[in-house]
Structure formats: C-alpha cells, structure tokens
Amino acid sequence: MKLSKHQQIFTTNIARLIVFANTQDIELTFGEAFRTEYQQVEHVRQGRSKTMNSNHLRGLAVDFNPFLDGKLTYKREDVEVLGEYWELLDKSNRWGGNFTSFYDPCHFEMNI
C-alpha cells in the first residue's frame, strides 16, 4: 500500500479519535503533526524524542494536548481511554502511553 493511502487512513482515524475524545469530555488541541528532518533532529537533541525514525516524518503521527475540566493533563488515568480507543481503530495504530522506552501519552501514530 502506498504511503498516501496509509496517511488517508490515519487522517480518518484521527478524526474518529477527536470525536471520541469529545464524547469523553476530553478536549484536544493540536501539539505537533508533521515534522521536518531538522525538527526531528532538534527533538532528539533536546531529549523530546528518542529516534530519527519518527512517524511524524511520514505524516503518520500526531501529538495532542488533552484538557480535562479545562486543565491540561498528561495523567495516564485521564487519557488512557483515548489510547485504548486509538489502538482499537486499526491494528497498526500505537499509542505513546504504551511505549516501553518513553511515556508519551499525547502521541498517536500509525506504525507501518
């Protein structure tokens, strides 16, 4: 399958995730989506990312800022419902809250 087809599936699933978050009274704003190679180098240098093989470089990852009761939250218990839903949408979807090397609860990606 072409990258563009994966990106279309990813985009549709992101729309579903946003709608689902609203049903859970979790408000989302965008953090980051597509990154250039330069931006990724800076993230790695600053310790904000562990890899140069990020799905952000392929347009297959997005970071959200989740708000619960108007307050920004990164607590697992507040956002885990989003991660569970995300991973049910497609077998290739991964939630950063389940990463073993780096807890990243605001990260949603399609890993192809």
N, C-alpha and C. Protein backbone atom coordinates (compact mmCIF):
# COMPACT_ATOMS: atom_id res chain seq x y z
N MET A 1 0.85 -1.17 0.00
CA MET A 1 0.00 0.00 0.00
C MET A 1 0.90 1.25 0.00
N LYS A 2 0.52 2.24 -0.76
CA LYS A 2 1.28 3.48 -0.84
C LYS A 2 1.17 4.28 0.46
N LEU A 3 2.21 5.06 0.72
CA LEU A 3 2.22 5.91 1.91
C LEU A 3 1.00 6.81 1.95
N SER A 4 0.61 7.36 0.82
CA SER A 4 -0.54 8.28 0.80
C SER A 4 -1.82 7.58 1.26
N LYS A 5 -1.97 6.31 0.95
CA LYS A 5 -3.16 5.58 1.41
C LYS A 5 -3.12 5.39 2.93
N HIS A 6 -1.95 5.07 3.46
CA HIS A 6 -1.80 4.96 4.93
C HIS A 6 -2.12 6.31 5.58
N GLN A 7 -1.65 7.39 4.97
CA GLN A 7 -1.92 8.72 5.52
C GLN A 7 -3.41 9.05 5.51
N GLN A 8 -4.13 8.61 4.47
CA GLN A 8 -5.57 8.83 4.42
C GLN A 8 -6.29 8.06 5.52
N ILE A 9 -5.90 6.82 5.73
CA ILE A 9 -6.48 6.01 6.81
C ILE A 9 -6.17 6.66 8.16
N PHE A 10 -4.92 7.07 8.33
CA PHE A 10 -4.50 7.72 9.58
C PHE A 10 -5.34 8.97 9.85
N THR A 11 -5.52 9.80 8.83
CA THR A 11 -6.28 11.04 8.98
C THR A 11 -7.73 10.76 9.38
N THR A 12 -8.33 9.78 8.75
CA THR A 12 -9.71 9.40 9.10
C THR A 12 -9.79 8.92 10.54
N ASN A 13 -8.81 8.12 10.96
CA ASN A 13 -8.80 7.63 12.33
C ASN A 13 -8.57 8.75 13.34
N ILE A 14 -7.76 9.74 12.97
CA ILE A 14 -7.57 10.89 13.85
C ILE A 14 -8.90 11.63 14.04
N ALA A 15 -9.66 11.78 12.96
CA ALA A 15 -10.97 12.43 13.06
C ALA A 15 -11.87 11.65 14.02
N ARG A 16 -11.85 10.34 13.91
CA ARG A 16 -12.65 9.50 14.81
C ARG A 16 -12.20 9.66 16.26
N LEU A 17 -10.89 9.75 16.46
CA LEU A 17 -10.36 9.92 17.82
C LEU A 17 -10.81 11.25 18.41
N ILE A 18 -10.79 12.30 17.62
CA ILE A 18 -11.21 13.62 18.11
C ILE A 18 -12.68 13.59 18.52
N VAL A 19 -13.52 12.99 17.69
CA VAL A 19 -14.95 12.88 18.03
C VAL A 19 -15.13 12.05 19.30
N PHE A 20 -14.40 10.93 19.39
CA PHE A 20 -14.49 10.09 20.58
C PHE A 20 -14.05 10.86 21.83
N ALA A 21 -12.96 11.61 21.73
CA ALA A 21 -12.48 12.39 22.88
C ALA A 21 -13.57 13.33 23.36
N ASN A 22 -14.29 13.96 22.44
CA ASN A 22 -15.37 14.87 22.82
C ASN A 22 -16.47 14.15 23.57
N THR A 23 -16.75 12.90 23.20
CA THR A 23 -17.78 12.14 23.92
C THR A 23 -17.33 11.77 25.33
N GLN A 24 -16.02 11.81 25.56
CA GLN A 24 -15.46 11.51 26.88
C GLN A 24 -15.17 12.78 27.69
N ASP A 25 -15.64 13.92 27.18
CA ASP A 25 -15.40 15.22 27.80
C ASP A 25 -13.92 15.56 27.92
N ILE A 26 -13.15 15.06 26.96
CA ILE A 26 -11.73 15.42 26.86
C ILE A 26 -11.60 16.33 25.65
N GLU A 27 -11.13 17.53 25.88
CA GLU A 27 -10.94 18.48 24.78
C GLU A 27 -9.50 18.37 24.30
N LEU A 28 -9.32 18.39 22.99
CA LEU A 28 -8.00 18.25 22.40
C LEU A 28 -7.63 19.49 21.61
N THR A 29 -6.37 19.87 21.72
CA THR A 29 -5.78 20.83 20.79
C THR A 29 -4.57 20.14 20.18
N PHE A 30 -4.17 20.61 19.01
CA PHE A 30 -3.02 20.00 18.35
C PHE A 30 -1.73 20.47 19.01
N GLY A 31 -0.81 19.51 19.16
CA GLY A 31 0.56 19.81 19.55
C GLY A 31 1.37 19.86 18.27
N GLU A 32 1.74 18.67 17.79
CA GLU A 32 2.51 18.57 16.55
C GLU A 32 1.98 17.44 15.70
N ALA A 33 2.13 17.63 14.40
CA ALA A 33 1.80 16.55 13.46
C ALA A 33 3.05 16.30 12.62
N PHE A 34 3.04 16.75 11.40
CA PHE A 34 4.19 16.52 10.52
C PHE A 34 5.41 17.28 11.02
N ARG A 35 6.57 16.62 10.97
CA ARG A 35 7.85 17.26 11.32
C ARG A 35 8.82 17.14 10.16
N THR A 36 9.65 18.15 10.01
CA THR A 36 10.75 18.07 9.06
C THR A 36 11.89 17.29 9.72
N GLU A 37 12.85 16.88 8.92
CA GLU A 37 14.01 16.18 9.48
C GLU A 37 14.76 17.09 10.46
N TYR A 38 14.86 18.37 10.12
CA TYR A 38 15.53 19.32 11.02
C TYR A 38 14.82 19.37 12.38
N GLN A 39 13.49 19.46 12.35
CA GLN A 39 12.74 19.50 13.60
C GLN A 39 12.98 18.22 14.42
N GLN A 40 13.03 17.08 13.74
CA GLN A 40 13.22 15.82 14.43
C GLN A 40 14.61 15.76 15.07
N VAL A 41 15.62 16.25 14.36
CA VAL A 41 16.97 16.31 14.92
C VAL A 41 16.95 17.12 16.21
N GLU A 42 16.25 18.24 16.20
CA GLU A 42 16.17 19.09 17.40
C GLU A 42 15.44 18.38 18.53
N HIS A 43 14.38 17.66 18.22
CA HIS A 43 13.66 16.91 19.26
C HIS A 43 14.56 15.87 19.90
N VAL A 44 15.33 15.17 19.10
CA VAL A 44 16.26 14.16 19.63
C VAL A 44 17.33 14.84 20.47
N ARG A 45 17.89 15.92 19.96
CA ARG A 45 18.94 16.65 20.68
C ARG A 45 18.44 17.14 22.04
N GLN A 46 17.20 17.59 22.09
CA GLN A 46 16.63 18.12 23.32
C GLN A 46 16.06 17.03 24.24
N GLY A 47 16.09 15.78 23.78
CA GLY A 47 15.56 14.68 24.58
C GLY A 47 14.06 14.54 24.51
N ARG A 48 13.42 15.24 23.59
CA ARG A 48 11.96 15.16 23.45
C ARG A 48 11.54 13.98 22.59
N SER A 49 12.51 13.36 21.91
CA SER A 49 12.27 12.17 21.11
C SER A 49 13.50 11.28 21.24
N LYS A 50 13.28 10.00 21.04
CA LYS A 50 14.38 9.03 21.18
C LYS A 50 14.88 8.52 19.84
N THR A 51 14.28 8.94 18.73
CA THR A 51 14.60 8.31 17.44
C THR A 51 14.54 9.29 16.29
N MET A 52 15.30 8.98 15.25
CA MET A 52 15.18 9.70 13.98
C MET A 52 14.24 8.94 13.05
N ASN A 53 13.65 7.88 13.53
CA ASN A 53 12.72 7.09 12.73
C ASN A 53 11.28 7.38 13.17
N SER A 54 10.97 8.62 13.42
CA SER A 54 9.66 9.01 13.91
C SER A 54 8.61 8.97 12.79
N ASN A 55 7.43 8.52 13.14
CA ASN A 55 6.32 8.53 12.19
C ASN A 55 5.83 9.94 11.89
N HIS A 56 6.23 10.93 12.69
CA HIS A 56 5.93 12.32 12.37
C HIS A 56 6.56 12.71 11.03
N LEU A 57 7.71 12.13 10.71
CA LEU A 57 8.40 12.45 9.45
C LEU A 57 7.65 11.94 8.23
N ARG A 58 6.76 10.96 8.42
CA ARG A 58 5.99 10.37 7.33
C ARG A 58 4.52 10.83 7.33
N GLY A 59 4.19 11.76 8.21
CA GLY A 59 2.80 12.22 8.29
C GLY A 59 1.88 11.17 8.87
N LEU A 60 2.43 10.33 9.76
CA LEU A 60 1.64 9.25 10.36
C LEU A 60 1.65 9.31 11.88
N ALA A 61 1.82 10.51 12.43
CA ALA A 61 1.79 10.67 13.88
C ALA A 61 1.30 12.08 14.21
N VAL A 62 0.64 12.18 15.35
CA VAL A 62 0.20 13.48 15.84
C VAL A 62 0.29 13.46 17.36
N ASP A 63 0.64 14.62 17.91
CA ASP A 63 0.62 14.82 19.35
C ASP A 63 -0.51 15.78 19.67
N PHE A 64 -1.30 15.44 20.66
CA PHE A 64 -2.40 16.29 21.10
C PHE A 64 -2.09 16.85 22.49
N ASN A 65 -2.75 17.93 22.82
CA ASN A 65 -2.77 18.47 24.17
C ASN A 65 -4.16 18.18 24.72
N PRO A 66 -4.29 17.24 25.66
CA PRO A 66 -5.60 16.89 26.20
C PRO A 66 -5.97 17.74 27.42
N PHE A 67 -7.19 18.20 27.43
CA PHE A 67 -7.71 19.01 28.53
C PHE A 67 -8.90 18.31 29.15
N LEU A 68 -8.87 18.20 30.45
CA LEU A 68 -9.97 17.62 31.22
C LEU A 68 -10.42 18.68 32.21
N ASP A 69 -11.68 19.03 32.17
CA ASP A 69 -12.21 20.10 33.02
C ASP A 69 -11.42 21.40 32.84
N GLY A 70 -11.01 21.64 31.58
CA GLY A 70 -10.31 22.88 31.26
C GLY A 70 -8.84 22.91 31.64
N LYS A 71 -8.32 21.79 32.18
CA LYS A 71 -6.92 21.76 32.60
C LYS A 71 -6.14 20.75 31.78
N LEU A 72 -4.95 21.17 31.33
CA LEU A 72 -4.07 20.28 30.57
C LEU A 72 -3.67 19.10 31.45
N THR A 73 -3.75 17.89 30.90
CA THR A 73 -3.40 16.71 31.68
C THR A 73 -2.61 15.72 30.84
N TYR A 74 -1.65 15.09 31.48
CA TYR A 74 -0.88 14.02 30.86
C TYR A 74 -0.97 12.75 31.70
N LYS A 75 -1.86 12.75 32.68
CA LYS A 75 -2.00 11.60 33.57
C LYS A 75 -2.59 10.42 32.82
N ARG A 76 -1.99 9.26 33.02
CA ARG A 76 -2.47 8.03 32.37
C ARG A 76 -3.96 7.81 32.61
N GLU A 77 -4.38 7.96 33.85
CA GLU A 77 -5.78 7.69 34.16
C GLU A 77 -6.75 8.65 33.47
N ASP A 78 -6.27 9.80 33.05
CA ASP A 78 -7.12 10.76 32.35
C ASP A 78 -7.20 10.50 30.85
N VAL A 79 -6.13 9.99 30.26
CA VAL A 79 -6.07 9.88 28.80
C VAL A 79 -6.01 8.44 28.27
N GLU A 80 -5.93 7.48 29.16
CA GLU A 80 -5.80 6.09 28.73
C GLU A 80 -6.98 5.64 27.87
N VAL A 81 -8.15 6.15 28.13
CA VAL A 81 -9.33 5.79 27.34
C VAL A 81 -9.11 6.15 25.86
N LEU A 82 -8.39 7.24 25.61
CA LEU A 82 -8.10 7.63 24.23
C LEU A 82 -7.13 6.65 23.59
N GLY A 83 -6.11 6.26 24.33
CA GLY A 83 -5.13 5.31 23.82
C GLY A 83 -5.76 3.96 23.50
N GLU A 84 -6.63 3.51 24.38
CA GLU A 84 -7.31 2.22 24.14
C GLU A 84 -8.16 2.29 22.89
N TYR A 85 -8.92 3.38 22.76
CA TYR A 85 -9.77 3.55 21.58
C TYR A 85 -8.92 3.62 20.32
N TRP A 86 -7.84 4.39 20.36
CA TRP A 86 -6.96 4.56 19.21
C TRP A 86 -6.45 3.21 18.72
N GLU A 87 -6.00 2.39 19.62
CA GLU A 87 -5.42 1.11 19.22
C GLU A 87 -6.48 0.13 18.71
N LEU A 88 -7.73 0.35 19.05
CA LEU A 88 -8.82 -0.49 18.52
C LEU A 88 -9.20 -0.10 17.09
N LEU A 89 -8.91 1.12 16.68
CA LEU A 89 -9.32 1.60 15.36
C LEU A 89 -8.58 0.91 14.21
N ASP A 90 -7.32 0.53 14.43
CA ASP A 90 -6.53 -0.10 13.37
C ASP A 90 -5.41 -0.90 14.02
N LYS A 91 -5.12 -2.05 13.46
CA LYS A 91 -4.07 -2.90 14.05
C LYS A 91 -2.69 -2.25 13.98
N SER A 92 -2.51 -1.25 13.13
CA SER A 92 -1.22 -0.56 13.01
C SER A 92 -1.10 0.65 13.94
N ASN A 93 -2.19 1.01 14.61
CA ASN A 93 -2.16 2.18 15.49
C ASN A 93 -1.45 1.86 16.80
N ARG A 94 -0.61 2.81 17.22
CA ARG A 94 0.07 2.69 18.51
C ARG A 94 -0.11 3.99 19.29
N TRP A 95 -0.30 3.82 20.59
CA TRP A 95 -0.44 4.96 21.50
C TRP A 95 0.84 5.11 22.31
N GLY A 96 1.36 6.31 22.39
CA GLY A 96 2.60 6.58 23.10
C GLY A 96 2.55 6.30 24.59
N GLY A 97 1.37 6.21 25.16
CA GLY A 97 1.25 5.86 26.57
C GLY A 97 1.63 4.42 26.85
N ASN A 98 1.68 3.61 25.79
CA ASN A 98 2.07 2.21 25.93
C ASN A 98 3.50 1.93 25.48
N PHE A 99 4.24 2.96 25.10
CA PHE A 99 5.63 2.75 24.72
C PHE A 99 6.40 2.25 25.94
N THR A 100 7.30 1.31 25.73
CA THR A 100 8.06 0.76 26.85
C THR A 100 9.28 1.61 27.19
N SER A 101 9.82 2.34 26.23
CA SER A 101 11.04 3.09 26.49
C SER A 101 10.80 4.57 26.79
N PHE A 102 9.57 5.06 26.57
CA PHE A 102 9.33 6.50 26.64
C PHE A 102 7.84 6.71 26.82
N TYR A 103 7.41 7.25 27.95
CA TYR A 103 5.99 7.51 28.19
C TYR A 103 5.60 8.78 27.45
N ASP A 104 4.72 8.65 26.48
CA ASP A 104 4.33 9.77 25.63
C ASP A 104 2.81 9.71 25.41
N PRO A 105 2.02 10.06 26.44
CA PRO A 105 0.57 9.84 26.40
C PRO A 105 -0.19 10.69 25.39
N CYS A 106 0.47 11.68 24.83
CA CYS A 106 -0.21 12.57 23.88
C CYS A 106 0.08 12.20 22.43
N HIS A 107 0.82 11.10 22.24
CA HIS A 107 1.28 10.68 20.92
C HIS A 107 0.41 9.56 20.37
N PHE A 108 -0.08 9.75 19.15
CA PHE A 108 -0.90 8.77 18.45
C PHE A 108 -0.29 8.57 17.07
N GLU A 109 -0.01 7.31 16.70
CA GLU A 109 0.65 7.07 15.41
C GLU A 109 0.11 5.82 14.76
N MET A 110 0.38 5.76 13.45
CA MET A 110 0.17 4.55 12.68
C MET A 110 1.55 4.05 12.30
N ASN A 111 1.88 2.87 12.75
CA ASN A 111 3.21 2.31 12.53
C ASN A 111 3.14 1.30 11.40
N ILE A 112 3.69 1.67 10.25
CA ILE A 112 3.65 0.76 9.09
C ILE A 112 5.03 0.21 8.79
